[in-house]
Amino acid sequence: MKDLSLASQIIEATVKATPLKVSVKFRKGWDNEHVNAVEFATMCEQSGASYITVHGRTRAQGYSGFADWEIIKAVKNTVKIQTQTK
């Protein structure tokens, strides 16, 4: 989530390497100062991912605290590919 360009290259290479649909799971952001789920989701879509799953917590939060349902909603409203929440 820190390097969108590298993530895009990885997704594009994976899409090219397989006839299967590619899914990407990611978090709200790295930490509360670096929330980029909407930007990351857009990049995933542009890079050829067929599905995305959004975890509503940052990497720093792990599985503690509360999920941010507003960021999940923002992602869902931004991209056209299939979105799942986690």
PDB file of N, CA and C in Angstrom:
ATOM      1  N   MET A   1       0.816  -1.186   0.000  1.00  0.00           N
ATOM      2  CA  MET A   1       0.000   0.000   0.000  1.00  0.00           C
ATOM      3  C   MET A   1       0.865   1.257   0.000  1.00  0.00           C
ATOM      4  N   LYS A   2       2.128   1.086   0.298  1.00  0.00           N
ATOM      5  CA  LYS A   2       3.020   2.244   0.303  1.00  0.00           C
ATOM      6  C   LYS A   2       3.525   2.606  -1.093  1.00  0.00           C
ATOM      7  N   ASP A   3       3.547   1.649  -2.001  1.00  0.00           N
ATOM      8  CA  ASP A   3       4.107   1.878  -3.333  1.00  0.00           C
ATOM      9  C   ASP A   3       3.088   1.441  -4.391  1.00  0.00           C
ATOM     10  N   LEU A   4       2.212   2.361  -4.787  1.00  0.00           N
ATOM     11  CA  LEU A   4       1.152   2.037  -5.740  1.00  0.00           C
ATOM     12  C   LEU A   4       1.695   1.621  -7.100  1.00  0.00           C
ATOM     13  N   SER A   5       2.796   2.218  -7.508  1.00  0.00           N
ATOM     14  CA  SER A   5       3.391   1.871  -8.795  1.00  0.00           C
ATOM     15  C   SER A   5       3.851   0.414  -8.817  1.00  0.00           C
ATOM     16  N   LEU A   6       4.523  -0.008  -7.771  1.00  0.00           N
ATOM     17  CA  LEU A   6       4.970  -1.400  -7.678  1.00  0.00           C
ATOM     18  C   LEU A   6       3.778  -2.348  -7.591  1.00  0.00           C
ATOM     19  N   ALA A   7       2.796  -1.992  -6.783  1.00  0.00           N
ATOM     20  CA  ALA A   7       1.594  -2.834  -6.660  1.00  0.00           C
ATOM     21  C   ALA A   7       0.909  -2.974  -8.011  1.00  0.00           C
ATOM     22  N   SER A   8       0.827  -1.887  -8.760  1.00  0.00           N
ATOM     23  CA  SER A   8       0.215  -1.929 -10.087  1.00  0.00           C
ATOM     24  C   SER A   8       0.981  -2.870 -11.012  1.00  0.00           C
ATOM     25  N   GLN A   9       2.306  -2.794 -10.990  1.00  0.00           N
ATOM     26  CA  GLN A   9       3.128  -3.676 -11.823  1.00  0.00           C
ATOM     27  C   GLN A   9       2.900  -5.145 -11.468  1.00  0.00           C
ATOM     28  N   ILE A  10       2.784  -5.435 -10.185  1.00  0.00           N
ATOM     29  CA  ILE A  10       2.550  -6.811  -9.735  1.00  0.00           C
ATOM     30  C   ILE A  10       1.189  -7.306 -10.200  1.00  0.00           C
ATOM     31  N   ILE A  11       0.169  -6.473 -10.050  1.00  0.00           N
ATOM     32  CA  ILE A  11      -1.184  -6.864 -10.480  1.00  0.00           C
ATOM     33  C   ILE A  11      -1.220  -7.076 -11.984  1.00  0.00           C
ATOM     34  N   GLU A  12      -0.665  -6.146 -12.744  1.00  0.00           N
ATOM     35  CA  GLU A  12      -0.650  -6.274 -14.209  1.00  0.00           C
ATOM     36  C   GLU A  12       0.075  -7.542 -14.648  1.00  0.00           C
ATOM     37  N   ALA A  13       1.219  -7.846 -14.038  1.00  0.00           N
ATOM     38  CA  ALA A  13       1.978  -9.053 -14.387  1.00  0.00           C
ATOM     39  C   ALA A  13       1.188 -10.309 -14.051  1.00  0.00           C
ATOM     40  N   THR A  14       0.488 -10.286 -12.933  1.00  0.00           N
ATOM     41  CA  THR A  14      -0.318 -11.444 -12.530  1.00  0.00           C
ATOM     42  C   THR A  14      -1.473 -11.649 -13.505  1.00  0.00           C
ATOM     43  N   VAL A  15      -2.138 -10.571 -13.873  1.00  0.00           N
ATOM     44  CA  VAL A  15      -3.247 -10.650 -14.827  1.00  0.00           C
ATOM     45  C   VAL A  15      -2.773 -11.228 -16.162  1.00  0.00           C
ATOM     46  N   LYS A  16      -1.607 -10.786 -16.618  1.00  0.00           N
ATOM     47  CA  LYS A  16      -1.054 -11.276 -17.885  1.00  0.00           C
ATOM     48  C   LYS A  16      -0.619 -12.741 -17.801  1.00  0.00           C
ATOM     49  N   ALA A  17      -0.242 -13.196 -16.604  1.00  0.00           N
ATOM     50  CA  ALA A  17       0.333 -14.534 -16.438  1.00  0.00           C
ATOM     51  C   ALA A  17      -0.700 -15.632 -16.246  1.00  0.00           C
ATOM     52  N   THR A  18      -1.948 -15.286 -16.069  1.00  0.00           N
ATOM     53  CA  THR A  18      -2.950 -16.321 -15.792  1.00  0.00           C
ATOM     54  C   THR A  18      -4.254 -16.035 -16.529  1.00  0.00           C
ATOM     55  N   PRO A  19      -4.940 -17.098 -16.946  1.00  0.00           N
ATOM     56  CA  PRO A  19      -6.264 -16.901 -17.547  1.00  0.00           C
ATOM     57  C   PRO A  19      -7.354 -16.696 -16.482  1.00  0.00           C
ATOM     58  N   LEU A  20      -6.991 -16.892 -15.220  1.00  0.00           N
ATOM     59  CA  LEU A  20      -7.947 -16.754 -14.123  1.00  0.00           C
ATOM     60  C   LEU A  20      -8.180 -15.283 -13.782  1.00  0.00           C
ATOM     61  N   LYS A  21      -9.313 -15.009 -13.170  1.00  0.00           N
ATOM     62  CA  LYS A  21      -9.582 -13.659 -12.696  1.00  0.00           C
ATOM     63  C   LYS A  21      -8.729 -13.401 -11.457  1.00  0.00           C
ATOM     64  N   VAL A  22      -8.179 -12.220 -11.373  1.00  0.00           N
ATOM     65  CA  VAL A  22      -7.279 -11.861 -10.289  1.00  0.00           C
ATOM     66  C   VAL A  22      -8.026 -11.011  -9.266  1.00  0.00           C
ATOM     67  N   SER A  23      -7.863 -11.375  -7.999  1.00  0.00           N
ATOM     68  CA  SER A  23      -8.458 -10.588  -6.916  1.00  0.00           C
ATOM     69  C   SER A  23      -7.349  -9.988  -6.060  1.00  0.00           C
ATOM     70  N   VAL A  24      -7.653  -8.864  -5.445  1.00  0.00           N
ATOM     71  CA  VAL A  24      -6.687  -8.184  -4.582  1.00  0.00           C
ATOM     72  C   VAL A  24      -7.381  -7.843  -3.274  1.00  0.00           C
ATOM     73  N   LYS A  25      -6.752  -8.214  -2.162  1.00  0.00           N
ATOM     74  CA  LYS A  25      -7.251  -7.841  -0.841  1.00  0.00           C
ATOM     75  C   LYS A  25      -6.290  -6.809  -0.263  1.00  0.00           C
ATOM     76  N   PHE A  26      -6.852  -5.748   0.272  1.00  0.00           N
ATOM     77  CA  PHE A  26      -6.016  -4.712   0.858  1.00  0.00           C
ATOM     78  C   PHE A  26      -6.743  -4.047   2.015  1.00  0.00           C
ATOM     79  N   ARG A  27      -6.003  -3.254   2.754  1.00  0.00           N
ATOM     80  CA  ARG A  27      -6.533  -2.591   3.936  1.00  0.00           C
ATOM     81  C   ARG A  27      -6.863  -1.129   3.646  1.00  0.00           C
ATOM     82  N   LYS A  28      -7.435  -0.508   4.628  1.00  0.00           N
ATOM     83  CA  LYS A  28      -7.798   0.907   4.572  1.00  0.00           C
ATOM     84  C   LYS A  28      -6.580   1.770   4.241  1.00  0.00           C
ATOM     85  N   GLY A  29      -5.438   1.384   4.746  1.00  0.00           N
ATOM     86  CA  GLY A  29      -4.191   2.115   4.539  1.00  0.00           C
ATOM     87  C   GLY A  29      -3.117   1.518   5.413  1.00  0.00           C
ATOM     88  N   TRP A  30      -1.945   2.130   5.399  1.00  0.00           N
ATOM     89  CA  TRP A  30      -0.835   1.623   6.198  1.00  0.00           C
ATOM     90  C   TRP A  30      -1.039   1.952   7.670  1.00  0.00           C
ATOM     91  N   ASP A  31      -1.412   3.205   7.934  1.00  0.00           N
ATOM     92  CA  ASP A  31      -1.734   3.670   9.285  1.00  0.00           C
ATOM     93  C   ASP A  31      -2.695   4.842   9.130  1.00  0.00           C
ATOM     94  N   ASN A  32      -3.096   5.452  10.227  1.00  0.00           N
ATOM     95  CA  ASN A  32      -4.093   6.528  10.143  1.00  0.00           C
ATOM     96  C   ASN A  32      -3.589   7.763   9.408  1.00  0.00           C
ATOM     97  N   GLU A  33      -2.293   7.927   9.295  1.00  0.00           N
ATOM     98  CA  GLU A  33      -1.731   9.051   8.544  1.00  0.00           C
ATOM     99  C   GLU A  33      -1.599   8.736   7.058  1.00  0.00           C
ATOM    100  N   HIS A  34      -1.756   7.475   6.692  1.00  0.00           N
ATOM    101  CA  HIS A  34      -1.585   7.049   5.294  1.00  0.00           C
ATOM    102  C   HIS A  34      -2.764   6.169   4.865  1.00  0.00           C
ATOM    103  N   VAL A  35      -3.930   6.768   4.792  1.00  0.00           N
ATOM    104  CA  VAL A  35      -5.144   6.068   4.355  1.00  0.00           C
ATOM    105  C   VAL A  35      -5.299   6.322   2.855  1.00  0.00           C
ATOM    106  N   ASN A  36      -5.200   5.258   2.068  1.00  0.00           N
ATOM    107  CA  ASN A  36      -5.261   5.420   0.610  1.00  0.00           C
ATOM    108  C   ASN A  36      -6.081   4.327  -0.070  1.00  0.00           C
ATOM    109  N   ALA A  37      -7.074   3.795   0.617  1.00  0.00           N
ATOM    110  CA  ALA A  37      -7.855   2.682   0.073  1.00  0.00           C
ATOM    111  C   ALA A  37      -8.560   3.049  -1.233  1.00  0.00           C
ATOM    112  N   VAL A  38      -9.096   4.254  -1.329  1.00  0.00           N
ATOM    113  CA  VAL A  38      -9.810   4.648  -2.554  1.00  0.00           C
ATOM    114  C   VAL A  38      -8.830   4.725  -3.722  1.00  0.00           C
ATOM    115  N   GLU A  39      -7.699   5.349  -3.509  1.00  0.00           N
ATOM    116  CA  GLU A  39      -6.677   5.445  -4.550  1.00  0.00           C
ATOM    117  C   GLU A  39      -6.146   4.056  -4.924  1.00  0.00           C
ATOM    118  N   PHE A  40      -5.938   3.214  -3.925  1.00  0.00           N
ATOM    119  CA  PHE A  40      -5.440   1.860  -4.168  1.00  0.00           C
ATOM    120  C   PHE A  40      -6.465   1.047  -4.963  1.00  0.00           C
ATOM    121  N   ALA A  41      -7.737   1.174  -4.623  1.00  0.00           N
ATOM    122  CA  ALA A  41      -8.799   0.453  -5.334  1.00  0.00           C
ATOM    123  C   ALA A  41      -8.866   0.881  -6.797  1.00  0.00           C
ATOM    124  N   THR A  42      -8.755   2.165  -7.032  1.00  0.00           N
ATOM    125  CA  THR A  42      -8.761   2.678  -8.408  1.00  0.00           C
ATOM    126  C   THR A  42      -7.587   2.114  -9.190  1.00  0.00           C
ATOM    127  N   MET A  43      -6.419   2.074  -8.566  1.00  0.00           N
ATOM    128  CA  MET A  43      -5.244   1.505  -9.206  1.00  0.00           C
ATOM    129  C   MET A  43      -5.459   0.032  -9.519  1.00  0.00           C
ATOM    130  N   CYS A  44      -6.052  -0.715  -8.586  1.00  0.00           N
ATOM    131  CA  CYS A  44      -6.316  -2.142  -8.819  1.00  0.00           C
ATOM    132  C   CYS A  44      -7.207  -2.331 -10.043  1.00  0.00           C
ATOM    133  N   GLU A  45      -8.252  -1.549 -10.110  1.00  0.00           N
ATOM    134  CA  GLU A  45      -9.181  -1.632 -11.242  1.00  0.00           C
ATOM    135  C   GLU A  45      -8.468  -1.312 -12.551  1.00  0.00           C
ATOM    136  N   GLN A  46      -7.690  -0.248 -12.561  1.00  0.00           N
ATOM    137  CA  GLN A  46      -6.967   0.154 -13.777  1.00  0.00           C
ATOM    138  C   GLN A  46      -5.892  -0.857 -14.162  1.00  0.00           C
ATOM    139  N   SER A  47      -5.398  -1.608 -13.200  1.00  0.00           N
ATOM    140  CA  SER A  47      -4.339  -2.596 -13.451  1.00  0.00           C
ATOM    141  C   SER A  47      -4.878  -3.951 -13.886  1.00  0.00           C
ATOM    142  N   GLY A  48      -6.209  -4.101 -13.901  1.00  0.00           N
ATOM    143  CA  GLY A  48      -6.800  -5.324 -14.425  1.00  0.00           C
ATOM    144  C   GLY A  48      -7.379  -6.291 -13.417  1.00  0.00           C
ATOM    145  N   ALA A  49      -7.379  -5.941 -12.140  1.00  0.00           N
ATOM    146  CA  ALA A  49      -7.981  -6.827 -11.141  1.00  0.00           C
ATOM    147  C   ALA A  49      -9.475  -6.979 -11.421  1.00  0.00           C
ATOM    148  N   SER A  50      -9.990  -8.168 -11.196  1.00  0.00           N
ATOM    149  CA  SER A  50     -11.412  -8.438 -11.422  1.00  0.00           C
ATOM    150  C   SER A  50     -12.244  -8.235 -10.168  1.00  0.00           C
ATOM    151  N   TYR A  51     -11.627  -8.436  -9.023  1.00  0.00           N
ATOM    152  CA  TYR A  51     -12.312  -8.318  -7.734  1.00  0.00           C
ATOM    153  C   TYR A  51     -11.378  -7.646  -6.743  1.00  0.00           C
ATOM    154  N   ILE A  52     -11.977  -6.962  -5.779  1.00  0.00           N
ATOM    155  CA  ILE A  52     -11.180  -6.459  -4.661  1.00  0.00           C
ATOM    156  C   ILE A  52     -11.923  -6.745  -3.363  1.00  0.00           C
ATOM    157  N   THR A  53     -11.158  -6.918  -2.309  1.00  0.00           N
ATOM    158  CA  THR A  53     -11.708  -7.064  -0.962  1.00  0.00           C
ATOM    159  C   THR A  53     -11.050  -5.998  -0.104  1.00  0.00           C
ATOM    160  N   VAL A  54     -11.863  -5.239   0.600  1.00  0.00           N
ATOM    161  CA  VAL A  54     -11.362  -4.134   1.408  1.00  0.00           C
ATOM    162  C   VAL A  54     -11.488  -4.479   2.885  1.00  0.00           C
ATOM    163  N   HIS A  55     -10.391  -4.413   3.599  1.00  0.00           N
ATOM    164  CA  HIS A  55     -10.374  -4.593   5.041  1.00  0.00           C
ATOM    165  C   HIS A  55     -10.443  -3.187   5.636  1.00  0.00           C
ATOM    166  N   GLY A  56     -11.439  -2.906   6.424  1.00  0.00           N
ATOM    167  CA  GLY A  56     -11.699  -1.561   6.919  1.00  0.00           C
ATOM    168  C   GLY A  56     -10.829  -1.097   8.066  1.00  0.00           C
ATOM    169  N   ARG A  57      -9.660  -1.686   8.207  1.00  0.00           N
ATOM    170  CA  ARG A  57      -8.708  -1.256   9.233  1.00  0.00           C
ATOM    171  C   ARG A  57      -7.347  -1.049   8.572  1.00  0.00           C
ATOM    172  N   THR A  58      -6.504  -0.264   9.198  1.00  0.00           N
ATOM    173  CA  THR A  58      -5.156  -0.053   8.670  1.00  0.00           C
ATOM    174  C   THR A  58      -4.255  -1.233   9.036  1.00  0.00           C
ATOM    175  N   ARG A  59      -3.131  -1.279   8.411  1.00  0.00           N
ATOM    176  CA  ARG A  59      -2.145  -2.314   8.733  1.00  0.00           C
ATOM    177  C   ARG A  59      -1.690  -2.155  10.177  1.00  0.00           C
ATOM    178  N   ALA A  60      -1.528  -0.912  10.622  1.00  0.00           N
ATOM    179  CA  ALA A  60      -1.094  -0.663  11.997  1.00  0.00           C
ATOM    180  C   ALA A  60      -2.127  -1.148  13.019  1.00  0.00           C
ATOM    181  N   GLN A  61      -3.406  -1.092  12.681  1.00  0.00           N
ATOM    182  CA  GLN A  61      -4.460  -1.562  13.580  1.00  0.00           C
ATOM    183  C   GLN A  61      -4.505  -3.068  13.684  1.00  0.00           C
ATOM    184  N   GLY A  62      -4.090  -3.746  12.642  1.00  0.00           N
ATOM    185  CA  GLY A  62      -4.237  -5.198  12.605  1.00  0.00           C
ATOM    186  C   GLY A  62      -5.719  -5.553  12.620  1.00  0.00           C
ATOM    187  N   TYR A  63      -6.108  -6.379  13.568  1.00  0.00           N
ATOM    188  CA  TYR A  63      -7.518  -6.765  13.684  1.00  0.00           C
ATOM    189  C   TYR A  63      -8.158  -6.133  14.915  1.00  0.00           C
ATOM    190  N   SER A  64      -7.512  -5.129  15.489  1.00  0.00           N
ATOM    191  CA  SER A  64      -8.068  -4.476  16.669  1.00  0.00           C
ATOM    192  C   SER A  64      -8.833  -3.215  16.277  1.00  0.00           C
ATOM    193  N   GLY A  65      -9.597  -2.699  17.206  1.00  0.00           N
ATOM    194  CA  GLY A  65     -10.346  -1.481  16.930  1.00  0.00           C
ATOM    195  C   GLY A  65     -11.559  -1.748  16.063  1.00  0.00           C
ATOM    196  N   PHE A  66     -12.086  -0.687  15.521  1.00  0.00           N
ATOM    197  CA  PHE A  66     -13.307  -0.778  14.725  1.00  0.00           C
ATOM    198  C   PHE A  66     -13.014  -0.613  13.241  1.00  0.00           C
ATOM    199  N   ALA A  67     -13.766  -1.337  12.428  1.00  0.00           N
ATOM    200  CA  ALA A  67     -13.654  -1.198  10.981  1.00  0.00           C
ATOM    201  C   ALA A  67     -14.254   0.137  10.553  1.00  0.00           C
ATOM    202  N   ASP A  68     -13.658   0.746   9.558  1.00  0.00           N
ATOM    203  CA  ASP A  68     -14.118   2.020   9.022  1.00  0.00           C
ATOM    204  C   ASP A  68     -15.043   1.740   7.839  1.00  0.00           C
ATOM    205  N   TRP A  69     -16.324   1.706   8.100  1.00  0.00           N
ATOM    206  CA  TRP A  69     -17.298   1.390   7.060  1.00  0.00           C
ATOM    207  C   TRP A  69     -17.432   2.518   6.043  1.00  0.00           C
ATOM    208  N   GLU A  70     -17.072   3.732   6.432  1.00  0.00           N
ATOM    209  CA  GLU A  70     -17.148   4.861   5.490  1.00  0.00           C
ATOM    210  C   GLU A  70     -16.102   4.732   4.390  1.00  0.00           C
ATOM    211  N   ILE A  71     -14.896   4.258   4.720  1.00  0.00           N
ATOM    212  CA  ILE A  71     -13.880   4.081   3.685  1.00  0.00           C
ATOM    213  C   ILE A  71     -14.283   2.946   2.749  1.00  0.00           C
ATOM    214  N   ILE A  72     -14.899   1.925   3.294  1.00  0.00           N
ATOM    215  CA  ILE A  72     -15.382   0.823   2.456  1.00  0.00           C
ATOM    216  C   ILE A  72     -16.453   1.332   1.501  1.00  0.00           C
ATOM    217  N   LYS A  73     -17.364   2.142   2.008  1.00  0.00           N
ATOM    218  CA  LYS A  73     -18.410   2.735   1.174  1.00  0.00           C
ATOM    219  C   LYS A  73     -17.796   3.616   0.081  1.00  0.00           C
ATOM    220  N   ALA A  74     -16.787   4.400   0.439  1.00  0.00           N
ATOM    221  CA  ALA A  74     -16.129   5.270  -0.535  1.00  0.00           C
ATOM    222  C   ALA A  74     -15.471   4.451  -1.644  1.00  0.00           C
ATOM    223  N   VAL A  75     -14.836   3.345  -1.273  1.00  0.00           N
ATOM    224  CA  VAL A  75     -14.225   2.469  -2.278  1.00  0.00           C
ATOM    225  C   VAL A  75     -15.304   1.900  -3.182  1.00  0.00           C
ATOM    226  N   LYS A  76     -16.357   1.388  -2.596  1.00  0.00           N
ATOM    227  CA  LYS A  76     -17.441   0.775  -3.365  1.00  0.00           C
ATOM    228  C   LYS A  76     -18.058   1.780  -4.334  1.00  0.00           C
ATOM    229  N   ASN A  77     -18.178   3.024  -3.919  1.00  0.00           N
ATOM    230  CA  ASN A  77     -18.770   4.057  -4.767  1.00  0.00           C
ATOM    231  C   ASN A  77     -17.813   4.574  -5.837  1.00  0.00           C
ATOM    232  N   THR A  78     -16.543   4.238  -5.722  1.00  0.00           N
ATOM    233  CA  THR A  78     -15.538   4.740  -6.662  1.00  0.00           C
ATOM    234  C   THR A  78     -15.264   3.780  -7.812  1.00  0.00           C
ATOM    235  N   VAL A  79     -15.186   2.489  -7.527  1.00  0.00           N
ATOM    236  CA  VAL A  79     -14.816   1.523  -8.563  1.00  0.00           C
ATOM    237  C   VAL A  79     -16.038   0.794  -9.103  1.00  0.00           C
ATOM    238  N   LYS A  80     -15.866   0.208 -10.266  1.00  0.00           N
ATOM    239  CA  LYS A  80     -16.962  -0.527 -10.901  1.00  0.00           C
ATOM    240  C   LYS A  80     -16.782  -2.043 -10.787  1.00  0.00           C
ATOM    241  N   ILE A  81     -15.560  -2.499 -10.441  1.00  0.00           N
ATOM    242  CA  ILE A  81     -15.342  -3.929 -10.300  1.00  0.00           C
ATOM    243  C   ILE A  81     -15.995  -4.418  -9.021  1.00  0.00           C
ATOM    244  N   GLN A  82     -16.170  -5.724  -8.919  1.00  0.00           N
ATOM    245  CA  GLN A  82     -16.839  -6.315  -7.765  1.00  0.00           C
ATOM    246  C   GLN A  82     -16.032  -6.060  -6.492  1.00  0.00           C
ATOM    247  N   THR A  83     -16.741  -5.626  -5.446  1.00  0.00           N
ATOM    248  CA  THR A  83     -16.119  -5.281  -4.173  1.00  0.00           C
ATOM    249  C   THR A  83     -16.704  -6.106  -3.062  1.00  0.00           C
ATOM    250  N   GLN A  84     -15.841  -6.649  -2.212  1.00  0.00           N
ATOM    251  CA  GLN A  84     -16.275  -7.362  -1.014  1.00  0.00           C
ATOM    252  C   GLN A  84     -15.725  -6.616   0.190  1.00  0.00           C
ATOM    253  N   THR A  85     -16.383  -6.738   1.316  1.00  0.00           N
ATOM    254  CA  THR A  85     -15.894  -6.108   2.536  1.00  0.00           C
ATOM    255  C   THR A  85     -15.408  -7.184   3.483  1.00  0.00           C
ATOM    256  N   LYS A  86     -14.495  -6.816   4.319  1.00  0.00           N
ATOM    257  CA  LYS A  86     -13.915  -7.751   5.277  1.00  0.00           C
ATOM    258  C   LYS A  86     -13.807  -7.081   6.617  1.00  0.00           C
TER     259      LYS A  86
END
